[in-house]
Amino acid sequence: MQPKVMQKAIAILELVCVSSKPVDLGMVIRFSGVPKSTAHRILKTFTEYGLVEHVKQGYVMGEKWRALCCRSSLISMVENAKPVLTPHLIELHNRTGGAAVAISILRGTKVAYLDTLHLHRHLHIIKRIVGNDVPLHCAAAGKALLAHRLDVTEDALECLEAFTDTTVTDPLKLRAELNVALRNGVAYSREEYLVGVSSVAAPIIFPKQTRPSAAISVIDSTERIDLFVCALLVRQAAKKISTELAAARWPA
């Protein structure tokens, strides 16, 4: 697109996304001043990319744009919560013998790792997960969140890709794990995403949320990590964080 057309396109996207009701083509043309053919082409492109959705009454915000807004909101919540999160990350890191500790958020059917506290020996792990969203079914943090998110469970169970020989790809087996995670407040990944790496995670709930969208994880080599001990510690940390953030309740 030419710069002027790009500016108009961004303005149209903003119009659709901030409107409380569907925006029809005529309104888009009047607002942007672009020809009908250009407006239609812009809206068609946004629709193809999931940024807007074409409904009977016009155009509304698309699922992809909602997901981007949700992720941005979650990142902001994590950033604002750092004064509470950081001391617990440090304590958990120390109490687990220097294991890597991470805060992650839900992103559709994947989990995105944000902040981490780790040693040099963990760099090969951190490089593989930070910046590369991990499917929910093979990450401890993903399972911890998935157990509380029935709205994404079906999509997450639709195609369970195997990353290692121990990745859980049987939907029934995964559902059983999620039920246990829901009861116990912690979830595990035993070399299910990276060979030789295991983790345990617990969900965190922020104020005004009714279900968790973030999790805290302990990650280390399988030979170093004591999953039982780490489970007790990470569950305790997640509950303390949620309480200190003034969440209405903790999930487990």
C-alpha atoms as a PDB file:
ATOM      1  CA  MET A   1       0.000   0.000   0.000  1.00  0.00           C
ATOM      2  CA  GLN A   2       0.988   3.630  -0.589  1.00  0.00           C
ATOM      3  CA  PRO A   3       1.618   5.594   2.656  1.00  0.00           C
ATOM      4  CA  LYS A   4      -1.651   7.556   2.375  1.00  0.00           C
ATOM      5  CA  VAL A   5      -3.661   4.408   1.715  1.00  0.00           C
ATOM      6  CA  MET A   6      -1.893   2.710   4.631  1.00  0.00           C
ATOM      7  CA  GLN A   7      -2.903   5.574   6.922  1.00  0.00           C
ATOM      8  CA  LYS A   8      -6.499   5.240   5.756  1.00  0.00           C
ATOM      9  CA  ALA A   9      -6.384   1.473   6.292  1.00  0.00           C
ATOM     10  CA  ILE A  10      -5.153   1.903   9.877  1.00  0.00           C
ATOM     11  CA  ALA A  11      -7.898   4.464  10.517  1.00  0.00           C
ATOM     12  CA  ILE A  12     -10.506   2.019   9.173  1.00  0.00           C
ATOM     13  CA  LEU A  13      -9.186  -0.763  11.388  1.00  0.00           C
ATOM     14  CA  GLU A  14      -9.353   1.545  14.403  1.00  0.00           C
ATOM     15  CA  LEU A  15     -12.912   2.569  13.504  1.00  0.00           C
ATOM     16  CA  VAL A  16     -14.089  -1.041  13.336  1.00  0.00           C
ATOM     17  CA  CYS A  17     -12.284  -2.101  16.514  1.00  0.00           C
ATOM     18  CA  VAL A  18     -13.486   0.748  18.742  1.00  0.00           C
ATOM     19  CA  SER A  19     -17.089   0.701  17.526  1.00  0.00           C
ATOM     20  CA  SER A  20     -19.648  -0.818  19.891  1.00  0.00           C
ATOM     21  CA  LYS A  21     -21.716  -2.060  16.927  1.00  0.00           C
ATOM     22  CA  PRO A  22     -20.966  -3.413  13.429  1.00  0.00           C
ATOM     23  CA  VAL A  23     -19.615  -0.856  10.964  1.00  0.00           C
ATOM     24  CA  ASP A  24     -21.070  -1.055   7.456  1.00  0.00           C
ATOM     25  CA  LEU A  25     -19.267  -0.270   4.205  1.00  0.00           C
ATOM     26  CA  GLY A  26     -21.016   3.075   3.794  1.00  0.00           C
ATOM     27  CA  MET A  27     -19.816   4.251   7.191  1.00  0.00           C
ATOM     28  CA  VAL A  28     -16.249   3.187   6.356  1.00  0.00           C
ATOM     29  CA  ILE A  29     -16.362   5.159   3.074  1.00  0.00           C
ATOM     30  CA  ARG A  30     -17.754   8.297   4.764  1.00  0.00           C
ATOM     31  CA  PHE A  31     -15.227   8.081   7.588  1.00  0.00           C
ATOM     32  CA  SER A  32     -12.124   7.400   5.518  1.00  0.00           C
ATOM     33  CA  GLY A  33     -12.947   9.224   2.280  1.00  0.00           C
ATOM     34  CA  VAL A  34     -11.573   6.379   0.158  1.00  0.00           C
ATOM     35  CA  PRO A  35     -13.390   5.050  -2.931  1.00  0.00           C
ATOM     36  CA  LYS A  36     -15.780   2.144  -2.455  1.00  0.00           C
ATOM     37  CA  SER A  37     -13.468  -0.269  -4.278  1.00  0.00           C
ATOM     38  CA  THR A  38     -10.498   0.696  -2.050  1.00  0.00           C
ATOM     39  CA  ALA A  39     -12.548   0.415   1.141  1.00  0.00           C
ATOM     40  CA  HIS A  40     -13.809  -3.000   0.075  1.00  0.00           C
ATOM     41  CA  ARG A  41     -10.288  -4.155  -0.768  1.00  0.00           C
ATOM     42  CA  ILE A  42      -8.920  -2.978   2.594  1.00  0.00           C
ATOM     43  CA  LEU A  43     -11.720  -4.662   4.532  1.00  0.00           C
ATOM     44  CA  LYS A  44     -11.296  -7.856   2.520  1.00  0.00           C
ATOM     45  CA  THR A  45      -7.583  -7.932   3.381  1.00  0.00           C
ATOM     46  CA  PHE A  46      -8.268  -7.343   7.080  1.00  0.00           C
ATOM     47  CA  THR A  47     -10.894 -10.084   6.987  1.00  0.00           C
ATOM     48  CA  GLU A  48      -8.521 -12.562   5.357  1.00  0.00           C
ATOM     49  CA  TYR A  49      -5.986 -11.940   8.131  1.00  0.00           C
ATOM     50  CA  GLY A  50      -8.574 -12.227  10.901  1.00  0.00           C
ATOM     51  CA  LEU A  51      -8.230  -8.608  12.003  1.00  0.00           C
ATOM     52  CA  VAL A  52     -11.892  -7.884  11.255  1.00  0.00           C
ATOM     53  CA  GLU A  53     -14.871 -10.139  10.721  1.00  0.00           C
ATOM     54  CA  HIS A  54     -17.693  -9.647   8.203  1.00  0.00           C
ATOM     55  CA  VAL A  55     -21.094 -10.182   9.818  1.00  0.00           C
ATOM     56  CA  LYS A  56     -24.625  -9.568   8.538  1.00  0.00           C
ATOM     57  CA  GLN A  57     -24.746  -5.973   9.813  1.00  0.00           C
ATOM     58  CA  GLY A  58     -21.240  -4.997   8.686  1.00  0.00           C
ATOM     59  CA  TYR A  59     -17.735  -5.434  10.103  1.00  0.00           C
ATOM     60  CA  VAL A  60     -16.610  -6.132  13.667  1.00  0.00           C
ATOM     61  CA  MET A  61     -13.321  -6.802  15.411  1.00  0.00           C
ATOM     62  CA  GLY A  62     -11.783 -10.120  14.315  1.00  0.00           C
ATOM     63  CA  GLU A  63     -10.537 -12.971  16.479  1.00  0.00           C
ATOM     64  CA  LYS A  64      -6.866 -12.349  15.682  1.00  0.00           C
ATOM     65  CA  TRP A  65      -7.128  -8.703  16.695  1.00  0.00           C
ATOM     66  CA  ARG A  66      -8.904  -9.715  19.913  1.00  0.00           C
ATOM     67  CA  ALA A  67      -6.097 -12.147  20.649  1.00  0.00           C
ATOM     68  CA  LEU A  68      -3.477  -9.444  20.029  1.00  0.00           C
ATOM     69  CA  CYS A  69      -5.320  -7.032  22.333  1.00  0.00           C
ATOM     70  CA  CYS A  70      -5.659  -9.724  24.979  1.00  0.00           C
ATOM     71  CA  ARG A  71      -1.961 -10.561  24.809  1.00  0.00           C
ATOM     72  CA  SER A  72      -1.036  -6.882  25.034  1.00  0.00           C
ATOM     73  CA  SER A  73      -3.275  -6.524  28.067  1.00  0.00           C
ATOM     74  CA  LEU A  74      -1.708  -9.581  29.714  1.00  0.00           C
ATOM     75  CA  ILE A  75       1.812  -8.315  29.030  1.00  0.00           C
ATOM     76  CA  SER A  76       0.856  -5.004  30.645  1.00  0.00           C
ATOM     77  CA  MET A  77      -0.536  -6.826  33.678  1.00  0.00           C
ATOM     78  CA  VAL A  78       2.688  -8.812  34.040  1.00  0.00           C
ATOM     79  CA  GLU A  79       4.764  -5.643  33.706  1.00  0.00           C
ATOM     80  CA  ASN A  80       2.669  -3.852  36.332  1.00  0.00           C
ATOM     81  CA  ALA A  81       2.897  -6.865  38.642  1.00  0.00           C
ATOM     82  CA  LYS A  82       6.710  -7.082  38.562  1.00  0.00           C
ATOM     83  CA  PRO A  83       7.149  -5.583  42.050  1.00  0.00           C
ATOM     84  CA  VAL A  84       5.136  -8.553  43.344  1.00  0.00           C
ATOM     85  CA  LEU A  85       6.457 -11.169  40.911  1.00  0.00           C
ATOM     86  CA  THR A  86      10.190 -10.510  41.127  1.00  0.00           C
ATOM     87  CA  PRO A  87      10.763 -11.392  44.816  1.00  0.00           C
ATOM     88  CA  HIS A  88       8.909 -14.678  44.340  1.00  0.00           C
ATOM     89  CA  LEU A  89      10.863 -15.501  41.180  1.00  0.00           C
ATOM     90  CA  ILE A  90      14.115 -14.962  43.066  1.00  0.00           C
ATOM     91  CA  GLU A  91      12.966 -16.990  46.066  1.00  0.00           C
ATOM     92  CA  LEU A  92      11.737 -19.842  43.884  1.00  0.00           C
ATOM     93  CA  HIS A  93      14.977 -19.795  41.891  1.00  0.00           C
ATOM     94  CA  ASN A  94      17.016 -20.055  45.098  1.00  0.00           C
ATOM     95  CA  ARG A  95      14.831 -22.649  46.809  1.00  0.00           C
ATOM     96  CA  THR A  96      14.943 -24.961  43.780  1.00  0.00           C
ATOM     97  CA  GLY A  97      18.719 -25.031  43.691  1.00  0.00           C
ATOM     98  CA  GLY A  98      19.101 -22.532  40.868  1.00  0.00           C
ATOM     99  CA  ALA A  99      16.514 -23.954  38.479  1.00  0.00           C
ATOM    100  CA  ALA A 100      15.213 -21.632  35.758  1.00  0.00           C
ATOM    101  CA  VAL A 101      12.010 -19.841  36.711  1.00  0.00           C
ATOM    102  CA  ALA A 102       9.649 -18.269  34.174  1.00  0.00           C
ATOM    103  CA  ILE A 103       6.433 -16.270  33.922  1.00  0.00           C
ATOM    104  CA  SER A 104       4.302 -17.065  30.899  1.00  0.00           C
ATOM    105  CA  ILE A 105       0.939 -16.030  29.473  1.00  0.00           C
ATOM    106  CA  LEU A 106      -1.756 -17.707  27.435  1.00  0.00           C
ATOM    107  CA  ARG A 107      -1.780 -16.903  23.725  1.00  0.00           C
ATOM    108  CA  GLY A 108      -4.525 -18.768  21.929  1.00  0.00           C
ATOM    109  CA  THR A 109      -3.569 -22.442  21.940  1.00  0.00           C
ATOM    110  CA  LYS A 110       0.025 -21.665  22.901  1.00  0.00           C
ATOM    111  CA  VAL A 111       1.928 -20.304  25.870  1.00  0.00           C
ATOM    112  CA  ALA A 112       4.318 -17.352  25.540  1.00  0.00           C
ATOM    113  CA  TYR A 113       7.234 -17.077  27.952  1.00  0.00           C
ATOM    114  CA  LEU A 114       7.961 -13.534  29.121  1.00  0.00           C
ATOM    115  CA  ASP A 115      10.237 -13.044  32.124  1.00  0.00           C
ATOM    116  CA  THR A 116      12.800 -15.648  33.146  1.00  0.00           C
ATOM    117  CA  LEU A 117      15.376 -15.997  35.893  1.00  0.00           C
ATOM    118  CA  HIS A 118      18.060 -18.482  34.940  1.00  0.00           C
ATOM    119  CA  LEU A 119      21.711 -19.485  35.095  1.00  0.00           C
ATOM    120  CA  HIS A 120      24.173 -19.728  32.215  1.00  0.00           C
ATOM    121  CA  ARG A 121      23.587 -23.477  32.008  1.00  0.00           C
ATOM    122  CA  HIS A 122      19.959 -22.815  31.112  1.00  0.00           C
ATOM    123  CA  LEU A 123      20.676 -20.641  28.066  1.00  0.00           C
ATOM    124  CA  HIS A 124      20.082 -23.469  25.597  1.00  0.00           C
ATOM    125  CA  ILE A 125      16.634 -23.981  27.147  1.00  0.00           C
ATOM    126  CA  ILE A 126      15.690 -20.305  27.361  1.00  0.00           C
ATOM    127  CA  LYS A 127      16.685 -19.694  23.728  1.00  0.00           C
ATOM    128  CA  ARG A 128      14.267 -22.420  22.650  1.00  0.00           C
ATOM    129  CA  ILE A 129      11.230 -21.158  24.545  1.00  0.00           C
ATOM    130  CA  VAL A 130      11.441 -17.365  24.862  1.00  0.00           C
ATOM    131  CA  GLY A 131      10.162 -15.789  21.659  1.00  0.00           C
ATOM    132  CA  ASN A 132       8.890 -19.139  20.400  1.00  0.00           C
ATOM    133  CA  ASP A 133       5.382 -19.777  21.644  1.00  0.00           C
ATOM    134  CA  VAL A 134       5.037 -23.357  22.868  1.00  0.00           C
ATOM    135  CA  PRO A 135       1.884 -25.447  22.260  1.00  0.00           C
ATOM    136  CA  LEU A 136      -0.139 -25.790  25.456  1.00  0.00           C
ATOM    137  CA  HIS A 137      -0.192 -29.585  25.482  1.00  0.00           C
ATOM    138  CA  CYS A 138       3.578 -30.046  25.830  1.00  0.00           C
ATOM    139  CA  ALA A 139       4.460 -27.325  28.363  1.00  0.00           C
ATOM    140  CA  ALA A 140       3.820 -27.484  32.095  1.00  0.00           C
ATOM    141  CA  ALA A 141       2.682 -23.846  32.023  1.00  0.00           C
ATOM    142  CA  GLY A 142       0.415 -24.625  29.083  1.00  0.00           C
ATOM    143  CA  LYS A 143      -1.234 -27.536  30.873  1.00  0.00           C
ATOM    144  CA  ALA A 144      -1.615 -25.492  34.065  1.00  0.00           C
ATOM    145  CA  LEU A 145      -3.570 -22.888  32.084  1.00  0.00           C
ATOM    146  CA  LEU A 146      -5.389 -25.290  29.795  1.00  0.00           C
ATOM    147  CA  ALA A 147      -6.876 -27.082  32.800  1.00  0.00           C
ATOM    148  CA  HIS A 148      -8.792 -23.890  33.630  1.00  0.00           C
ATOM    149  CA  ARG A 149      -9.630 -22.813  30.082  1.00  0.00           C
ATOM    150  CA  LEU A 150     -12.457 -24.882  28.691  1.00  0.00           C
ATOM    151  CA  ASP A 151     -12.884 -22.287  25.936  1.00  0.00           C
ATOM    152  CA  VAL A 152      -9.589 -23.263  24.310  1.00  0.00           C
ATOM    153  CA  THR A 153      -9.436 -26.909  25.327  1.00  0.00           C
ATOM    154  CA  GLU A 154     -11.147 -28.281  22.219  1.00  0.00           C
ATOM    155  CA  ASP A 155      -8.895 -26.318  19.843  1.00  0.00           C
ATOM    156  CA  ALA A 156      -5.814 -27.322  21.821  1.00  0.00           C
ATOM    157  CA  LEU A 157      -6.777 -31.001  21.678  1.00  0.00           C
ATOM    158  CA  GLU A 158      -7.554 -30.963  17.966  1.00  0.00           C
ATOM    159  CA  CYS A 159      -4.050 -31.754  16.746  1.00  0.00           C
ATOM    160  CA  LEU A 160      -1.510 -32.841  19.350  1.00  0.00           C
ATOM    161  CA  GLU A 161       1.887 -32.626  17.686  1.00  0.00           C
ATOM    162  CA  ALA A 162       4.688 -34.808  19.048  1.00  0.00           C
ATOM    163  CA  PHE A 163       7.899 -32.894  19.757  1.00  0.00           C
ATOM    164  CA  THR A 164       9.640 -35.739  21.589  1.00  0.00           C
ATOM    165  CA  ASP A 165       8.981 -39.430  22.218  1.00  0.00           C
ATOM    166  CA  THR A 166       7.253 -38.541  25.494  1.00  0.00           C
ATOM    167  CA  THR A 167       4.923 -35.787  24.235  1.00  0.00           C
ATOM    168  CA  VAL A 168       1.350 -36.622  25.226  1.00  0.00           C
ATOM    169  CA  THR A 169      -0.572 -36.902  21.946  1.00  0.00           C
ATOM    170  CA  ASP A 170      -3.545 -38.939  23.170  1.00  0.00           C
ATOM    171  CA  PRO A 171      -6.454 -36.526  23.911  1.00  0.00           C
ATOM    172  CA  LEU A 172      -7.891 -38.829  26.573  1.00  0.00           C
ATOM    173  CA  LYS A 173      -4.570 -39.080  28.385  1.00  0.00           C
ATOM    174  CA  LEU A 174      -4.109 -35.318  28.212  1.00  0.00           C
ATOM    175  CA  ARG A 175      -7.618 -34.722  29.554  1.00  0.00           C
ATOM    176  CA  ALA A 176      -6.810 -37.001  32.489  1.00  0.00           C
ATOM    177  CA  GLU A 177      -3.665 -34.955  33.185  1.00  0.00           C
ATOM    178  CA  LEU A 178      -5.644 -31.724  33.008  1.00  0.00           C
ATOM    179  CA  ASN A 179      -8.172 -33.040  35.523  1.00  0.00           C
ATOM    180  CA  VAL A 180      -5.345 -33.853  37.945  1.00  0.00           C
ATOM    181  CA  ALA A 181      -3.797 -30.419  37.352  1.00  0.00           C
ATOM    182  CA  LEU A 182      -7.142 -28.792  38.074  1.00  0.00           C
ATOM    183  CA  ARG A 183      -7.413 -30.633  41.399  1.00  0.00           C
ATOM    184  CA  ASN A 184      -3.797 -30.247  42.515  1.00  0.00           C
ATOM    185  CA  GLY A 185      -2.993 -26.788  41.194  1.00  0.00           C
ATOM    186  CA  VAL A 186       0.160 -27.887  39.355  1.00  0.00           C
ATOM    187  CA  ALA A 187       0.981 -29.428  35.977  1.00  0.00           C
ATOM    188  CA  TYR A 188       4.045 -31.220  34.631  1.00  0.00           C
ATOM    189  CA  SER A 189       5.993 -31.623  31.418  1.00  0.00           C
ATOM    190  CA  ARG A 190       8.411 -34.541  31.409  1.00  0.00           C
ATOM    191  CA  GLU A 191      10.636 -34.017  28.375  1.00  0.00           C
ATOM    192  CA  GLU A 192       7.555 -33.341  26.259  1.00  0.00           C
ATOM    193  CA  TYR A 193       8.883 -30.311  24.373  1.00  0.00           C
ATOM    194  CA  LEU A 194      12.658 -30.566  24.722  1.00  0.00           C
ATOM    195  CA  VAL A 195      14.566 -33.809  25.259  1.00  0.00           C
ATOM    196  CA  GLY A 196      16.277 -33.813  28.646  1.00  0.00           C
ATOM    197  CA  VAL A 197      14.212 -30.885  29.988  1.00  0.00           C
ATOM    198  CA  SER A 198      11.319 -31.163  32.461  1.00  0.00           C
ATOM    199  CA  SER A 199       9.193 -28.568  34.202  1.00  0.00           C
ATOM    200  CA  VAL A 200       6.397 -27.980  36.680  1.00  0.00           C
ATOM    201  CA  ALA A 201       4.029 -24.997  36.700  1.00  0.00           C
ATOM    202  CA  ALA A 202       1.127 -23.450  38.578  1.00  0.00           C
ATOM    203  CA  PRO A 203      -1.421 -20.849  37.410  1.00  0.00           C
ATOM    204  CA  ILE A 204      -1.486 -17.213  38.522  1.00  0.00           C
ATOM    205  CA  ILE A 205      -4.647 -15.181  38.609  1.00  0.00           C
ATOM    206  CA  PHE A 206      -4.710 -11.397  38.333  1.00  0.00           C
ATOM    207  CA  PRO A 207      -7.239  -9.003  39.878  1.00  0.00           C
ATOM    208  CA  LYS A 208     -10.664  -8.933  38.178  1.00  0.00           C
ATOM    209  CA  GLN A 209      -9.975 -12.248  36.444  1.00  0.00           C
ATOM    210  CA  THR A 210     -12.184 -15.265  37.023  1.00  0.00           C
ATOM    211  CA  ARG A 211      -9.672 -17.724  35.557  1.00  0.00           C
ATOM    212  CA  PRO A 212      -5.909 -17.685  35.090  1.00  0.00           C
ATOM    213  CA  SER A 213      -4.138 -16.409  31.995  1.00  0.00           C
ATOM    214  CA  ALA A 214      -0.591 -16.570  33.372  1.00  0.00           C
ATOM    215  CA  ALA A 215       1.572 -19.193  35.046  1.00  0.00           C
ATOM    216  CA  ILE A 216       4.853 -19.547  36.908  1.00  0.00           C
ATOM    217  CA  SER A 217       7.166 -22.417  35.956  1.00  0.00           C
ATOM    218  CA  VAL A 218      10.270 -24.138  37.266  1.00  0.00           C
ATOM    219  CA  ILE A 219      12.358 -25.558  34.417  1.00  0.00           C
ATOM    220  CA  ASP A 220      15.560 -27.594  34.506  1.00  0.00           C
ATOM    221  CA  SER A 221      17.295 -30.631  33.119  1.00  0.00           C
ATOM    222  CA  THR A 222      15.447 -33.831  33.985  1.00  0.00           C
ATOM    223  CA  GLU A 223      18.415 -35.176  35.899  1.00  0.00           C
ATOM    224  CA  ARG A 224      18.581 -32.085  38.132  1.00  0.00           C
ATOM    225  CA  ILE A 225      14.953 -31.252  38.804  1.00  0.00           C
ATOM    226  CA  ASP A 226      12.987 -32.821  41.664  1.00  0.00           C
ATOM    227  CA  LEU A 227       9.461 -32.462  40.324  1.00  0.00           C
ATOM    228  CA  PHE A 228       7.765 -33.338  43.612  1.00  0.00           C
ATOM    229  CA  VAL A 229       9.671 -30.747  45.645  1.00  0.00           C
ATOM    230  CA  CYS A 230       9.388 -28.135  42.906  1.00  0.00           C
ATOM    231  CA  ALA A 231       5.646 -28.750  42.634  1.00  0.00           C
ATOM    232  CA  LEU A 232       5.154 -27.867  46.302  1.00  0.00           C
ATOM    233  CA  LEU A 233       7.272 -24.728  45.956  1.00  0.00           C
ATOM    234  CA  VAL A 234       5.773 -23.469  42.689  1.00  0.00           C
ATOM    235  CA  ARG A 235       2.230 -24.060  43.938  1.00  0.00           C
ATOM    236  CA  GLN A 236       3.018 -22.097  47.089  1.00  0.00           C
ATOM    237  CA  ALA A 237       4.574 -19.265  45.072  1.00  0.00           C
ATOM    238  CA  ALA A 238       1.627 -19.062  42.652  1.00  0.00           C
ATOM    239  CA  LYS A 239      -0.854 -18.876  45.509  1.00  0.00           C
ATOM    240  CA  LYS A 240       1.152 -16.165  47.304  1.00  0.00           C
ATOM    241  CA  ILE A 241       1.504 -14.113  44.124  1.00  0.00           C
ATOM    242  CA  SER A 242      -2.215 -14.324  43.375  1.00  0.00           C
ATOM    243  CA  THR A 243      -3.054 -13.331  46.944  1.00  0.00           C
ATOM    244  CA  GLU A 244      -0.624 -10.394  46.959  1.00  0.00           C
ATOM    245  CA  LEU A 245      -2.033  -9.196  43.648  1.00  0.00           C
ATOM    246  CA  ALA A 246      -5.405  -9.071  45.406  1.00  0.00           C
ATOM    247  CA  ALA A 247      -7.003 -11.639  43.147  1.00  0.00           C
ATOM    248  CA  ALA A 248     -10.462 -12.711  44.222  1.00  0.00           C
ATOM    249  CA  ARG A 249      -9.280 -16.288  44.629  1.00  0.00           C
ATOM    250  CA  TRP A 250      -6.578 -18.703  43.608  1.00  0.00           C
ATOM    251  CA  PRO A 251      -7.654 -21.358  41.047  1.00  0.00           C
ATOM    252  CA  ALA A 252      -6.783 -24.561  42.944  1.00  0.00           C
END
